Amino acid sequence: MVVLVQGRYFLIPLAIAVLLFSLTSAAVDRLTRLRLGPIALPNWLASLISILLVLAAMLVVLRILADQIEAVIDAGPLYIERGQQLVATMAAWLGDDAAAGIRQAFEAVDFGAYIRAFAGSAGYALSAAVLIVLYIGFLFAERARFHEKLARLQPDPARADNLLRMFRSITRSVHRYILVKSAVSVITGLVVYLVMRAFGLQFAETWALLTMLLNFIPNIGSIIATAIPTLVALVQFESWTLVVLLFATIGLIQFAVGNILEPNLMGRSLNLSPFVIILSLTFWGAVWGIIGMFLAVPIMVMLLIVCAHVPSLHPVAVLLSRDGVPLPDEEHKG
């Protein structure tokens, strides 16, 4: 626990790098299989292309966030004033004493400090992005000889072959989960972005990126991703009709994605126990803050997959799963 907290400044980028590496390594495998006649794409070139794509995507995201942070800082006073008016109006329904107490509590919150702290995190985000790219680069450098190292861990050829097959099965399962979850998150973020732009909601790019990240948190993430734009709309719009329509539209999108699109793409979902999800969110949130909450479920799903493939750890996978069957039979057999 102490190591996780004290080492969070390099462990968080490492955890993100492992997730991105797992996602991009599957793409590298596909690229190396492509052939144009007798010409095949070398592994090092496919790895380099993947690293450059990851770097470009991160730079685009950081650029969007930087622009949005500047816009939030400029619009902050207006939103705070509008929020105070809204809180006063809603508190008035509860009586004069309650209204005065809520108004004082709202005025005591230093929203400017939160905005400045949010803006100050941009420097850490840039340094973390550099670390993530470096980690991914070295992981790809180790990737070519990893199977040889894994085989040499077992002097018995039969056991070494079983170990390699188990590792490949785990890798396929993790790749599939991260790939499908990432694709679904991107689709959800794009659709929600188009909806927010159609409604004229400010900072739509920021809420769309947040929606993509929150989609990695089952159930709870979709609720938060629906609530945040609704609260912004509540402050921005004068019309309650627009607020209700935006809430209903985003909620319908989240419902359709979570109950129709994702199950069809992923097949039998890798469901974690709801209690395990709450525990993981609490633990990783306490250790790594909000970033830990984003990473909590992917980390637990990877742990579930690994435990499901290792016979001695299979009881742990059963306990972590929702229904006692952590993986489909065909995946478990590898």
C-alpha atoms as a PDB file:
ATOM      1  CA  MET A   1       0.000   0.000   0.000  1.00  0.00           C
ATOM      2  CA  VAL A   2       2.751   2.445   0.943  1.00  0.00           C
ATOM      3  CA  VAL A   3       4.675   1.547  -2.207  1.00  0.00           C
ATOM      4  CA  LEU A   4       1.597   2.171  -4.374  1.00  0.00           C
ATOM      5  CA  VAL A   5       0.968   5.573  -2.800  1.00  0.00           C
ATOM      6  CA  GLN A   6       4.578   6.764  -2.749  1.00  0.00           C
ATOM      7  CA  GLY A   7       5.317   5.439  -6.228  1.00  0.00           C
ATOM      8  CA  ARG A   8       2.116   6.681  -7.879  1.00  0.00           C
ATOM      9  CA  TYR A   9       3.953   9.247 -10.013  1.00  0.00           C
ATOM     10  CA  PHE A  10       5.633   6.506 -12.033  1.00  0.00           C
ATOM     11  CA  LEU A  11       3.262   3.589 -11.320  1.00  0.00           C
ATOM     12  CA  ILE A  12       0.200   5.380 -12.759  1.00  0.00           C
ATOM     13  CA  PRO A  13       1.933   6.053 -16.117  1.00  0.00           C
ATOM     14  CA  LEU A  14       3.176   2.444 -16.035  1.00  0.00           C
ATOM     15  CA  ALA A  15      -0.348   1.073 -15.525  1.00  0.00           C
ATOM     16  CA  ILE A  16      -1.679   3.241 -18.375  1.00  0.00           C
ATOM     17  CA  ALA A  17       1.264   2.185 -20.554  1.00  0.00           C
ATOM     18  CA  VAL A  18       0.549  -1.521 -19.927  1.00  0.00           C
ATOM     19  CA  LEU A  19      -3.100  -1.040 -20.924  1.00  0.00           C
ATOM     20  CA  LEU A  20      -2.148   0.866 -24.087  1.00  0.00           C
ATOM     21  CA  PHE A  21       0.581  -1.661 -24.864  1.00  0.00           C
ATOM     22  CA  SER A  22      -1.914  -4.505 -24.529  1.00  0.00           C
ATOM     23  CA  LEU A  23      -4.232  -2.680 -26.912  1.00  0.00           C
ATOM     24  CA  THR A  24      -1.599  -1.742 -29.505  1.00  0.00           C
ATOM     25  CA  SER A  25       0.301  -5.035 -29.425  1.00  0.00           C
ATOM     26  CA  ALA A  26      -2.754  -6.761 -30.880  1.00  0.00           C
ATOM     27  CA  ALA A  27      -2.671  -4.210 -33.709  1.00  0.00           C
ATOM     28  CA  VAL A  28       1.037  -4.908 -34.236  1.00  0.00           C
ATOM     29  CA  ASP A  29       0.310  -8.637 -34.593  1.00  0.00           C
ATOM     30  CA  ARG A  30      -2.242  -7.906 -37.282  1.00  0.00           C
ATOM     31  CA  LEU A  31       0.059  -5.491 -39.111  1.00  0.00           C
ATOM     32  CA  THR A  32       2.905  -8.015 -39.219  1.00  0.00           C
ATOM     33  CA  ARG A  33       0.566 -10.603 -40.773  1.00  0.00           C
ATOM     34  CA  LEU A  34      -0.316  -8.296 -43.652  1.00  0.00           C
ATOM     35  CA  ARG A  35       1.571  -8.940 -46.877  1.00  0.00           C
ATOM     36  CA  LEU A  36       1.867  -7.094 -50.165  1.00  0.00           C
ATOM     37  CA  GLY A  37       3.045  -9.956 -52.322  1.00  0.00           C
ATOM     38  CA  PRO A  38       6.383 -11.145 -50.893  1.00  0.00           C
ATOM     39  CA  ILE A  39       6.762  -8.006 -48.745  1.00  0.00           C
ATOM     40  CA  ALA A  40       5.798  -8.199 -45.069  1.00  0.00           C
ATOM     41  CA  LEU A  41       5.853  -5.388 -42.554  1.00  0.00           C
ATOM     42  CA  PRO A  42       8.774  -5.900 -40.123  1.00  0.00           C
ATOM     43  CA  ASN A  43       7.886  -6.174 -36.444  1.00  0.00           C
ATOM     44  CA  TRP A  44      10.058  -3.181 -35.510  1.00  0.00           C
ATOM     45  CA  LEU A  45       8.332  -0.970 -38.100  1.00  0.00           C
ATOM     46  CA  ALA A  46       4.857  -2.062 -36.954  1.00  0.00           C
ATOM     47  CA  SER A  47       5.857  -1.333 -33.350  1.00  0.00           C
ATOM     48  CA  LEU A  48       7.214   2.087 -34.319  1.00  0.00           C
ATOM     49  CA  ILE A  49       3.991   2.935 -36.170  1.00  0.00           C
ATOM     50  CA  SER A  50       1.945   1.919 -33.122  1.00  0.00           C
ATOM     51  CA  ILE A  51       4.076   4.031 -30.762  1.00  0.00           C
ATOM     52  CA  LEU A  52       3.778   7.059 -33.058  1.00  0.00           C
ATOM     53  CA  LEU A  53       0.002   6.614 -33.260  1.00  0.00           C
ATOM     54  CA  VAL A  54      -0.252   6.445 -29.473  1.00  0.00           C
ATOM     55  CA  LEU A  55       1.917   9.563 -29.166  1.00  0.00           C
ATOM     56  CA  ALA A  56      -0.177  11.433 -31.744  1.00  0.00           C
ATOM     57  CA  ALA A  57      -3.426  10.460 -30.001  1.00  0.00           C
ATOM     58  CA  MET A  58      -2.088  11.608 -26.626  1.00  0.00           C
ATOM     59  CA  LEU A  59      -0.914  14.928 -28.065  1.00  0.00           C
ATOM     60  CA  VAL A  60      -4.347  15.508 -29.610  1.00  0.00           C
ATOM     61  CA  VAL A  61      -6.061  14.737 -26.296  1.00  0.00           C
ATOM     62  CA  LEU A  62      -3.688  17.011 -24.356  1.00  0.00           C
ATOM     63  CA  ARG A  63      -4.219  19.795 -26.891  1.00  0.00           C
ATOM     64  CA  ILE A  64      -7.996  19.519 -26.582  1.00  0.00           C
ATOM     65  CA  LEU A  65      -7.765  19.488 -22.780  1.00  0.00           C
ATOM     66  CA  ALA A  66      -5.450  22.525 -22.764  1.00  0.00           C
ATOM     67  CA  ASP A  67      -7.901  24.496 -24.898  1.00  0.00           C
ATOM     68  CA  GLN A  68     -10.828  23.401 -22.746  1.00  0.00           C
ATOM     69  CA  ILE A  69      -9.040  24.296 -19.492  1.00  0.00           C
ATOM     70  CA  GLU A  70      -8.419  27.795 -20.793  1.00  0.00           C
ATOM     71  CA  ALA A  71     -12.074  28.127 -21.797  1.00  0.00           C
ATOM     72  CA  VAL A  72     -13.251  26.813 -18.400  1.00  0.00           C
ATOM     73  CA  ILE A  73     -11.079  29.353 -16.577  1.00  0.00           C
ATOM     74  CA  ASP A  74     -12.510  32.188 -18.707  1.00  0.00           C
ATOM     75  CA  ALA A  75     -16.119  31.050 -18.214  1.00  0.00           C
ATOM     76  CA  GLY A  76     -15.671  30.078 -14.556  1.00  0.00           C
ATOM     77  CA  PRO A  77     -16.988  33.299 -12.913  1.00  0.00           C
ATOM     78  CA  LEU A  78     -20.137  33.281 -15.067  1.00  0.00           C
ATOM     79  CA  TYR A  79     -20.864  29.635 -14.222  1.00  0.00           C
ATOM     80  CA  ILE A  80     -20.262  30.235 -10.521  1.00  0.00           C
ATOM     81  CA  GLU A  81     -22.671  33.182 -10.520  1.00  0.00           C
ATOM     82  CA  ARG A  82     -25.307  31.193 -12.418  1.00  0.00           C
ATOM     83  CA  GLY A  83     -24.818  28.262 -10.036  1.00  0.00           C
ATOM     84  CA  GLN A  84     -25.319  30.474  -7.011  1.00  0.00           C
ATOM     85  CA  GLN A  85     -28.581  31.772  -8.466  1.00  0.00           C
ATOM     86  CA  LEU A  86     -29.756  28.249  -9.223  1.00  0.00           C
ATOM     87  CA  VAL A  87     -28.892  26.992  -5.741  1.00  0.00           C
ATOM     88  CA  ALA A  88     -30.647  29.977  -4.172  1.00  0.00           C
ATOM     89  CA  THR A  89     -33.781  29.308  -6.231  1.00  0.00           C
ATOM     90  CA  MET A  90     -33.853  25.616  -5.342  1.00  0.00           C
ATOM     91  CA  ALA A  91     -33.036  26.268  -1.686  1.00  0.00           C
ATOM     92  CA  ALA A  92     -35.899  28.741  -1.412  1.00  0.00           C
ATOM     93  CA  TRP A  93     -38.290  25.819  -1.738  1.00  0.00           C
ATOM     94  CA  LEU A  94     -36.962  24.476   1.577  1.00  0.00           C
ATOM     95  CA  GLY A  95     -37.575  27.652   3.584  1.00  0.00           C
ATOM     96  CA  ASP A  96     -35.561  30.693   4.584  1.00  0.00           C
ATOM     97  CA  ASP A  97     -33.319  28.983   7.152  1.00  0.00           C
ATOM     98  CA  ALA A  98     -32.372  26.131   4.838  1.00  0.00           C
ATOM     99  CA  ALA A  99     -31.843  28.552   1.952  1.00  0.00           C
ATOM    100  CA  ALA A 100     -29.470  30.693   4.010  1.00  0.00           C
ATOM    101  CA  GLY A 101     -27.468  27.665   5.136  1.00  0.00           C
ATOM    102  CA  ILE A 102     -27.137  26.248   1.617  1.00  0.00           C
ATOM    103  CA  ARG A 103     -26.194  29.667   0.237  1.00  0.00           C
ATOM    104  CA  GLN A 104     -23.445  30.101   2.860  1.00  0.00           C
ATOM    105  CA  ALA A 105     -22.103  26.613   2.206  1.00  0.00           C
ATOM    106  CA  PHE A 106     -22.003  27.267  -1.535  1.00  0.00           C
ATOM    107  CA  GLU A 107     -20.249  30.613  -1.111  1.00  0.00           C
ATOM    108  CA  ALA A 108     -17.652  29.000   1.184  1.00  0.00           C
ATOM    109  CA  VAL A 109     -16.459  26.716  -1.606  1.00  0.00           C
ATOM    110  CA  ASP A 110     -13.440  28.181  -3.418  1.00  0.00           C
ATOM    111  CA  PHE A 111     -14.257  27.167  -6.985  1.00  0.00           C
ATOM    112  CA  GLY A 112     -11.387  29.263  -8.299  1.00  0.00           C
ATOM    113  CA  ALA A 113      -8.916  27.134  -6.348  1.00  0.00           C
ATOM    114  CA  TYR A 114     -10.330  23.979  -7.908  1.00  0.00           C
ATOM    115  CA  ILE A 115     -10.088  25.480 -11.390  1.00  0.00           C
ATOM    116  CA  ARG A 116      -6.476  26.585 -10.784  1.00  0.00           C
ATOM    117  CA  ALA A 117      -5.579  23.137  -9.427  1.00  0.00           C
ATOM    118  CA  PHE A 118      -7.162  21.545 -12.489  1.00  0.00           C
ATOM    119  CA  ALA A 119      -5.151  23.813 -14.751  1.00  0.00           C
ATOM    120  CA  GLY A 120      -1.960  23.111 -12.799  1.00  0.00           C
ATOM    121  CA  SER A 121      -2.354  19.397 -13.433  1.00  0.00           C
ATOM    122  CA  ALA A 122      -1.598  20.001 -17.122  1.00  0.00           C
ATOM    123  CA  GLY A 123       2.144  19.997 -16.389  1.00  0.00           C
ATOM    124  CA  TYR A 124       1.921  16.602 -14.686  1.00  0.00           C
ATOM    125  CA  ALA A 125      -0.193  15.283 -17.575  1.00  0.00           C
ATOM    126  CA  LEU A 126       2.530  16.265 -20.058  1.00  0.00           C
ATOM    127  CA  SER A 127       5.324  14.597 -18.052  1.00  0.00           C
ATOM    128  CA  ALA A 128       3.139  11.525 -17.542  1.00  0.00           C
ATOM    129  CA  ALA A 129       2.525  11.356 -21.300  1.00  0.00           C
ATOM    130  CA  VAL A 130       6.275  11.320 -21.926  1.00  0.00           C
ATOM    131  CA  LEU A 131       6.730   8.504 -19.391  1.00  0.00           C
ATOM    132  CA  ILE A 132       3.872   6.516 -20.932  1.00  0.00           C
ATOM    133  CA  VAL A 133       5.405   6.710 -24.413  1.00  0.00           C
ATOM    134  CA  LEU A 134       8.821   5.675 -23.025  1.00  0.00           C
ATOM    135  CA  TYR A 135       7.302   2.731 -21.160  1.00  0.00           C
ATOM    136  CA  ILE A 136       5.438   1.576 -24.268  1.00  0.00           C
ATOM    137  CA  GLY A 137       8.605   1.854 -26.346  1.00  0.00           C
ATOM    138  CA  PHE A 138      10.609  -0.319 -23.957  1.00  0.00           C
ATOM    139  CA  LEU A 139       7.738  -2.812 -23.614  1.00  0.00           C
ATOM    140  CA  PHE A 140       7.752  -3.237 -27.389  1.00  0.00           C
ATOM    141  CA  ALA A 141      11.545  -3.625 -27.297  1.00  0.00           C
ATOM    142  CA  GLU A 142      11.161  -6.475 -24.766  1.00  0.00           C
ATOM    143  CA  ARG A 143       8.207  -8.000 -26.562  1.00  0.00           C
ATOM    144  CA  ALA A 144      10.172  -9.779 -29.294  1.00  0.00           C
ATOM    145  CA  ARG A 145      12.133 -11.952 -26.841  1.00  0.00           C
ATOM    146  CA  PHE A 146       9.547 -12.314 -24.099  1.00  0.00           C
ATOM    147  CA  HIS A 147       8.328 -15.712 -25.300  1.00  0.00           C
ATOM    148  CA  GLU A 148      11.899 -17.021 -25.199  1.00  0.00           C
ATOM    149  CA  LYS A 149      12.299 -15.816 -21.618  1.00  0.00           C
ATOM    150  CA  LEU A 150       8.965 -17.372 -20.671  1.00  0.00           C
ATOM    151  CA  ALA A 151       9.956 -20.717 -22.206  1.00  0.00           C
ATOM    152  CA  ARG A 152      13.252 -20.769 -20.310  1.00  0.00           C
ATOM    153  CA  LEU A 153      11.482 -20.367 -16.979  1.00  0.00           C
ATOM    154  CA  GLN A 154      10.546 -24.064 -17.281  1.00  0.00           C
ATOM    155  CA  PRO A 155      13.320 -26.549 -18.121  1.00  0.00           C
ATOM    156  CA  ASP A 156      10.713 -29.225 -18.927  1.00  0.00           C
ATOM    157  CA  PRO A 157       9.655 -28.705 -22.612  1.00  0.00           C
ATOM    158  CA  ALA A 158       6.094 -29.915 -21.958  1.00  0.00           C
ATOM    159  CA  ARG A 159       5.593 -27.523 -19.042  1.00  0.00           C
ATOM    160  CA  ALA A 160       7.211 -24.713 -21.006  1.00  0.00           C
ATOM    161  CA  ASP A 161       4.777 -25.335 -23.866  1.00  0.00           C
ATOM    162  CA  ASN A 162       1.816 -25.292 -21.456  1.00  0.00           C
ATOM    163  CA  LEU A 163       3.110 -22.048 -19.952  1.00  0.00           C
ATOM    164  CA  LEU A 164       3.378 -20.438 -23.389  1.00  0.00           C
ATOM    165  CA  ARG A 165      -0.138 -21.563 -24.361  1.00  0.00           C
ATOM    166  CA  MET A 166      -1.532 -20.232 -21.086  1.00  0.00           C
ATOM    167  CA  PHE A 167       0.200 -16.889 -21.628  1.00  0.00           C
ATOM    168  CA  ARG A 168      -1.144 -16.620 -25.184  1.00  0.00           C
ATOM    169  CA  SER A 169      -4.660 -17.420 -23.953  1.00  0.00           C
ATOM    170  CA  ILE A 170      -4.420 -14.751 -21.242  1.00  0.00           C
ATOM    171  CA  THR A 171      -3.059 -12.252 -23.767  1.00  0.00           C
ATOM    172  CA  ARG A 172      -5.908 -12.934 -26.224  1.00  0.00           C
ATOM    173  CA  SER A 173      -8.530 -12.481 -23.494  1.00  0.00           C
ATOM    174  CA  VAL A 174      -6.992  -9.240 -22.224  1.00  0.00           C
ATOM    175  CA  HIS A 175      -6.582  -7.916 -25.774  1.00  0.00           C
ATOM    176  CA  ARG A 176     -10.193  -8.668 -26.576  1.00  0.00           C
ATOM    177  CA  TYR A 177     -11.531  -6.979 -23.450  1.00  0.00           C
ATOM    178  CA  ILE A 178      -9.431  -3.818 -23.840  1.00  0.00           C
ATOM    179  CA  LEU A 179     -10.027  -3.595 -27.607  1.00  0.00           C
ATOM    180  CA  VAL A 180     -13.808  -3.981 -27.346  1.00  0.00           C
ATOM    181  CA  LYS A 181     -14.059  -1.712 -24.304  1.00  0.00           C
ATOM    182  CA  SER A 182     -11.933   0.957 -26.004  1.00  0.00           C
ATOM    183  CA  ALA A 183     -13.952   0.762 -29.238  1.00  0.00           C
ATOM    184  CA  VAL A 184     -17.232   1.020 -27.320  1.00  0.00           C
ATOM    185  CA  SER A 185     -15.869   3.939 -25.280  1.00  0.00           C
ATOM    186  CA  VAL A 186     -14.821   5.828 -28.425  1.00  0.00           C
ATOM    187  CA  ILE A 187     -18.197   5.233 -30.079  1.00  0.00           C
ATOM    188  CA  THR A 188     -20.032   6.371 -26.939  1.00  0.00           C
ATOM    189  CA  GLY A 189     -17.860   9.474 -26.615  1.00  0.00           C
ATOM    190  CA  LEU A 190     -18.393  10.451 -30.271  1.00  0.00           C
ATOM    191  CA  VAL A 191     -22.169   9.980 -30.161  1.00  0.00           C
ATOM    192  CA  VAL A 192     -22.484  11.873 -26.871  1.00  0.00           C
ATOM    193  CA  TYR A 193     -20.268  14.636 -28.284  1.00  0.00           C
ATOM    194  CA  LEU A 194     -22.539  15.047 -31.323  1.00  0.00           C
ATOM    195  CA  VAL A 195     -25.582  15.206 -29.049  1.00  0.00           C
ATOM    196  CA  MET A 196     -24.018  17.815 -26.767  1.00  0.00           C
ATOM    197  CA  ARG A 197     -22.919  19.896 -29.755  1.00  0.00           C
ATOM    198  CA  ALA A 198     -26.456  19.716 -31.159  1.00  0.00           C
ATOM    199  CA  PHE A 199     -27.803  21.031 -27.848  1.00  0.00           C
ATOM    200  CA  GLY A 200     -25.123  23.726 -27.768  1.00  0.00           C
ATOM    201  CA  LEU A 201     -23.590  22.529 -24.494  1.00  0.00           C
ATOM    202  CA  GLN A 202     -20.318  24.271 -23.704  1.00  0.00           C
ATOM    203  CA  PHE A 203     -17.073  22.284 -23.266  1.00  0.00           C
ATOM    204  CA  ALA A 204     -18.582  19.354 -25.182  1.00  0.00           C
ATOM    205  CA  GLU A 205     -15.104  18.039 -26.044  1.00  0.00           C
ATOM    206  CA  THR A 206     -14.165  17.765 -22.360  1.00  0.00           C
ATOM    207  CA  TRP A 207     -17.370  15.937 -21.397  1.00  0.00           C
ATOM    208  CA  ALA A 208     -16.983  13.597 -24.384  1.00  0.00           C
ATOM    209  CA  LEU A 209     -13.426  12.660 -23.338  1.00  0.00           C
ATOM    210  CA  LEU A 210     -14.647  12.179 -19.777  1.00  0.00           C
ATOM    211  CA  THR A 211     -17.447   9.951 -21.059  1.00  0.00           C
ATOM    212  CA  MET A 212     -14.896   7.786 -22.895  1.00  0.00           C
ATOM    213  CA  LEU A 213     -12.888   7.335 -19.682  1.00  0.00           C
ATOM    214  CA  LEU A 214     -15.913   6.779 -17.444  1.00  0.00           C
ATOM    215  CA  ASN A 215     -17.184   4.077 -19.794  1.00  0.00           C
ATOM    216  CA  PHE A 216     -14.436   1.822 -18.402  1.00  0.00           C
ATOM    217  CA  ILE A 217     -16.294   1.864 -15.059  1.00  0.00           C
ATOM    218  CA  PRO A 218     -19.371  -0.391 -15.383  1.00  0.00           C
ATOM    219  CA  ASN A 219     -22.743   0.983 -14.241  1.00  0.00           C
ATOM    220  CA  ILE A 220     -21.331   3.732 -12.036  1.00  0.00           C
ATOM    221  CA  GLY A 221     -19.355   5.296 -14.897  1.00  0.00           C
ATOM    222  CA  SER A 222     -22.389   5.663 -17.160  1.00  0.00           C
ATOM    223  CA  ILE A 223     -24.372   7.284 -14.345  1.00  0.00           C
ATOM    224  CA  ILE A 224     -21.621   9.838 -13.676  1.00  0.00           C
ATOM    225  CA  ALA A 225     -21.120  10.442 -17.413  1.00  0.00           C
ATOM    226  CA  THR A 226     -24.830  11.240 -17.697  1.00  0.00           C
ATOM    227  CA  ALA A 227     -25.001  13.367 -14.549  1.00  0.00           C
ATOM    228  CA  ILE A 228     -22.085  15.715 -15.321  1.00  0.00           C
ATOM    229  CA  PRO A 229     -23.385  17.116 -18.661  1.00  0.00           C
ATOM    230  CA  THR A 230     -26.846  17.366 -17.101  1.00  0.00           C
ATOM    231  CA  LEU A 231     -25.509  19.496 -14.234  1.00  0.00           C
ATOM    232  CA  VAL A 232     -23.631  21.702 -16.714  1.00  0.00           C
ATOM    233  CA  ALA A 233     -26.820  22.069 -18.759  1.00  0.00           C
ATOM    234  CA  LEU A 234     -28.704  22.939 -15.578  1.00  0.00           C
ATOM    235  CA  VAL A 235     -26.331  25.853 -15.017  1.00  0.00           C
ATOM    236  CA  GLN A 236     -25.997  26.894 -18.677  1.00  0.00           C
ATOM    237  CA  PHE A 237     -29.582  26.678 -19.957  1.00  0.00           C
ATOM    238  CA  GLU A 238     -32.545  28.729 -18.767  1.00  0.00           C
ATOM    239  CA  SER A 239     -35.019  26.195 -20.158  1.00  0.00           C
ATOM    240  CA  TRP A 240     -35.772  23.104 -18.080  1.00  0.00           C
ATOM    241  CA  THR A 241     -37.048  21.417 -21.239  1.00  0.00           C
ATOM    242  CA  LEU A 242     -33.558  21.432 -22.784  1.00  0.00           C
ATOM    243  CA  VAL A 243     -32.065  20.023 -19.581  1.00  0.00           C
ATOM    244  CA  VAL A 244     -34.581  17.174 -19.444  1.00  0.00           C
ATOM    245  CA  LEU A 245     -34.172  16.398 -23.160  1.00  0.00           C
ATOM    246  CA  LEU A 246     -30.361  16.332 -22.864  1.00  0.00           C
ATOM    247  CA  PHE A 247     -30.550  14.094 -19.802  1.00  0.00           C
ATOM    248  CA  ALA A 248     -32.975  11.701 -21.513  1.00  0.00           C
ATOM    249  CA  THR A 249     -30.953  11.548 -24.745  1.00  0.00           C
ATOM    250  CA  ILE A 250     -27.599  10.870 -23.056  1.00  0.00           C
ATOM    251  CA  GLY A 251     -29.231   8.378 -20.686  1.00  0.00           C
ATOM    252  CA  LEU A 252     -30.775   6.519 -23.638  1.00  0.00           C
ATOM    253  CA  ILE A 253     -27.396   6.388 -25.389  1.00  0.00           C
ATOM    254  CA  GLN A 254     -25.703   4.998 -22.283  1.00  0.00           C
ATOM    255  CA  PHE A 255     -28.474   2.415 -21.857  1.00  0.00           C
ATOM    256  CA  ALA A 256     -28.263   1.288 -25.491  1.00  0.00           C
ATOM    257  CA  VAL A 257     -24.466   1.039 -25.381  1.00  0.00           C
ATOM    258  CA  GLY A 258     -24.354  -0.821 -22.055  1.00  0.00           C
ATOM    259  CA  ASN A 259     -27.204  -3.241 -22.739  1.00  0.00           C
ATOM    260  CA  ILE A 260     -27.166  -3.750 -26.533  1.00  0.00           C
ATOM    261  CA  LEU A 261     -23.957  -2.674 -28.282  1.00  0.00           C
ATOM    262  CA  GLU A 262     -21.304  -3.793 -25.794  1.00  0.00           C
ATOM    263  CA  PRO A 263     -22.789  -7.265 -25.047  1.00  0.00           C
ATOM    264  CA  ASN A 264     -23.124  -7.960 -28.786  1.00  0.00           C
ATOM    265  CA  LEU A 265     -19.523  -6.935 -29.493  1.00  0.00           C
ATOM    266  CA  MET A 266     -17.979  -8.635 -26.484  1.00  0.00           C
ATOM    267  CA  GLY A 267     -20.130 -11.741 -26.450  1.00  0.00           C
ATOM    268  CA  ARG A 268     -20.487 -13.133 -22.961  1.00  0.00           C
ATOM    269  CA  SER A 269     -19.266 -10.208 -20.881  1.00  0.00           C
ATOM    270  CA  LEU A 270     -16.420 -10.521 -18.398  1.00  0.00           C
ATOM    271  CA  ASN A 271     -18.577  -9.483 -15.485  1.00  0.00           C
ATOM    272  CA  LEU A 272     -17.066  -8.524 -12.174  1.00  0.00           C
ATOM    273  CA  SER A 273     -19.033  -8.819  -8.966  1.00  0.00           C
ATOM    274  CA  PRO A 274     -20.698  -5.470  -8.130  1.00  0.00           C
ATOM    275  CA  PHE A 275     -19.217  -5.696  -4.638  1.00  0.00           C
ATOM    276  CA  VAL A 276     -15.746  -6.222  -6.135  1.00  0.00           C
ATOM    277  CA  ILE A 277     -16.276  -3.169  -8.357  1.00  0.00           C
ATOM    278  CA  ILE A 278     -17.129  -1.007  -5.333  1.00  0.00           C
ATOM    279  CA  LEU A 279     -14.135  -2.359  -3.400  1.00  0.00           C
ATOM    280  CA  SER A 280     -11.761  -1.785  -6.315  1.00  0.00           C
ATOM    281  CA  LEU A 281     -13.058   1.750  -6.880  1.00  0.00           C
ATOM    282  CA  THR A 282     -12.637   2.526  -3.187  1.00  0.00           C
ATOM    283  CA  PHE A 283      -9.159   0.999  -2.971  1.00  0.00           C
ATOM    284  CA  TRP A 284      -7.666   2.440  -6.168  1.00  0.00           C
ATOM    285  CA  GLY A 285      -9.411   5.764  -5.603  1.00  0.00           C
ATOM    286  CA  ALA A 286      -7.794   6.009  -2.162  1.00  0.00           C
ATOM    287  CA  VAL A 287      -4.397   5.001  -3.559  1.00  0.00           C
ATOM    288  CA  TRP A 288      -4.253   6.913  -6.879  1.00  0.00           C
ATOM    289  CA  GLY A 289      -7.163   9.361  -6.702  1.00  0.00           C
ATOM    290  CA  ILE A 290      -9.492   9.921  -9.637  1.00  0.00           C
ATOM    291  CA  ILE A 291      -7.052   8.317 -12.101  1.00  0.00           C
ATOM    292  CA  GLY A 292      -7.045   5.226  -9.905  1.00  0.00           C
ATOM    293  CA  MET A 293     -10.829   5.045 -10.214  1.00  0.00           C
ATOM    294  CA  PHE A 294     -10.528   5.137 -14.012  1.00  0.00           C
ATOM    295  CA  LEU A 295      -7.966   2.320 -13.915  1.00  0.00           C
ATOM    296  CA  ALA A 296      -9.661   0.269 -11.168  1.00  0.00           C
ATOM    297  CA  VAL A 297     -11.988  -1.874 -13.267  1.00  0.00           C
ATOM    298  CA  PRO A 298      -9.536  -2.565 -16.150  1.00  0.00           C
ATOM    299  CA  ILE A 299      -6.968  -3.674 -13.562  1.00  0.00           C
ATOM    300  CA  MET A 300      -9.503  -5.943 -11.833  1.00  0.00           C
ATOM    301  CA  VAL A 301     -10.688  -7.412 -15.144  1.00  0.00           C
ATOM    302  CA  MET A 302      -7.089  -8.236 -16.088  1.00  0.00           C
ATOM    303  CA  LEU A 303      -6.638  -9.811 -12.638  1.00  0.00           C
ATOM    304  CA  LEU A 304      -9.849 -11.798 -13.173  1.00  0.00           C
ATOM    305  CA  ILE A 305      -8.651 -13.074 -16.557  1.00  0.00           C
ATOM    306  CA  VAL A 306      -5.232 -14.069 -15.216  1.00  0.00           C
ATOM    307  CA  CYS A 307      -6.751 -15.879 -12.216  1.00  0.00           C
ATOM    308  CA  ALA A 308      -9.250 -17.661 -14.460  1.00  0.00           C
ATOM    309  CA  HIS A 309      -6.431 -19.079 -16.609  1.00  0.00           C
ATOM    310  CA  VAL A 310      -4.188 -20.171 -13.732  1.00  0.00           C
ATOM    311  CA  PRO A 311      -5.627 -23.362 -12.177  1.00  0.00           C
ATOM    312  CA  SER A 312      -4.351 -22.632  -8.658  1.00  0.00           C
ATOM    313  CA  LEU A 313      -5.933 -19.156  -8.754  1.00  0.00           C
ATOM    314  CA  HIS A 314      -9.249 -20.163 -10.341  1.00  0.00           C
ATOM    315  CA  PRO A 315     -11.165 -19.985  -7.005  1.00  0.00           C
ATOM    316  CA  VAL A 316     -10.120 -16.324  -6.762  1.00  0.00           C
ATOM    317  CA  ALA A 317     -11.549 -15.693 -10.244  1.00  0.00           C
ATOM    318  CA  VAL A 318     -14.838 -17.343  -9.205  1.00  0.00           C
ATOM    319  CA  LEU A 319     -15.069 -15.028  -6.197  1.00  0.00           C
ATOM    320  CA  LEU A 320     -14.295 -11.968  -8.322  1.00  0.00           C
ATOM    321  CA  SER A 321     -16.897 -12.811 -10.987  1.00  0.00           C
ATOM    322  CA  ARG A 322     -20.554 -11.843 -10.905  1.00  0.00           C
ATOM    323  CA  ASP A 323     -22.064 -15.288 -11.508  1.00  0.00           C
ATOM    324  CA  GLY A 324     -19.225 -17.664 -10.634  1.00  0.00           C
ATOM    325  CA  VAL A 325     -18.259 -18.275 -14.270  1.00  0.00           C
ATOM    326  CA  PRO A 326     -15.463 -15.735 -14.947  1.00  0.00           C
ATOM    327  CA  LEU A 327     -14.798 -16.667 -18.597  1.00  0.00           C
ATOM    328  CA  PRO A 328     -16.683 -18.417 -21.397  1.00  0.00           C
ATOM    329  CA  ASP A 329     -15.732 -22.084 -21.665  1.00  0.00           C
ATOM    330  CA  GLU A 330     -14.075 -21.636 -25.042  1.00  0.00           C
ATOM    331  CA  GLU A 331     -11.854 -18.809 -23.760  1.00  0.00           C
ATOM    332  CA  HIS A 332     -10.980 -20.677 -20.614  1.00  0.00           C
ATOM    333  CA  LYS A 333      -9.814 -23.626 -22.620  1.00  0.00           C
ATOM    334  CA  GLY A 334      -7.622 -21.280 -24.698  1.00  0.00           C
END
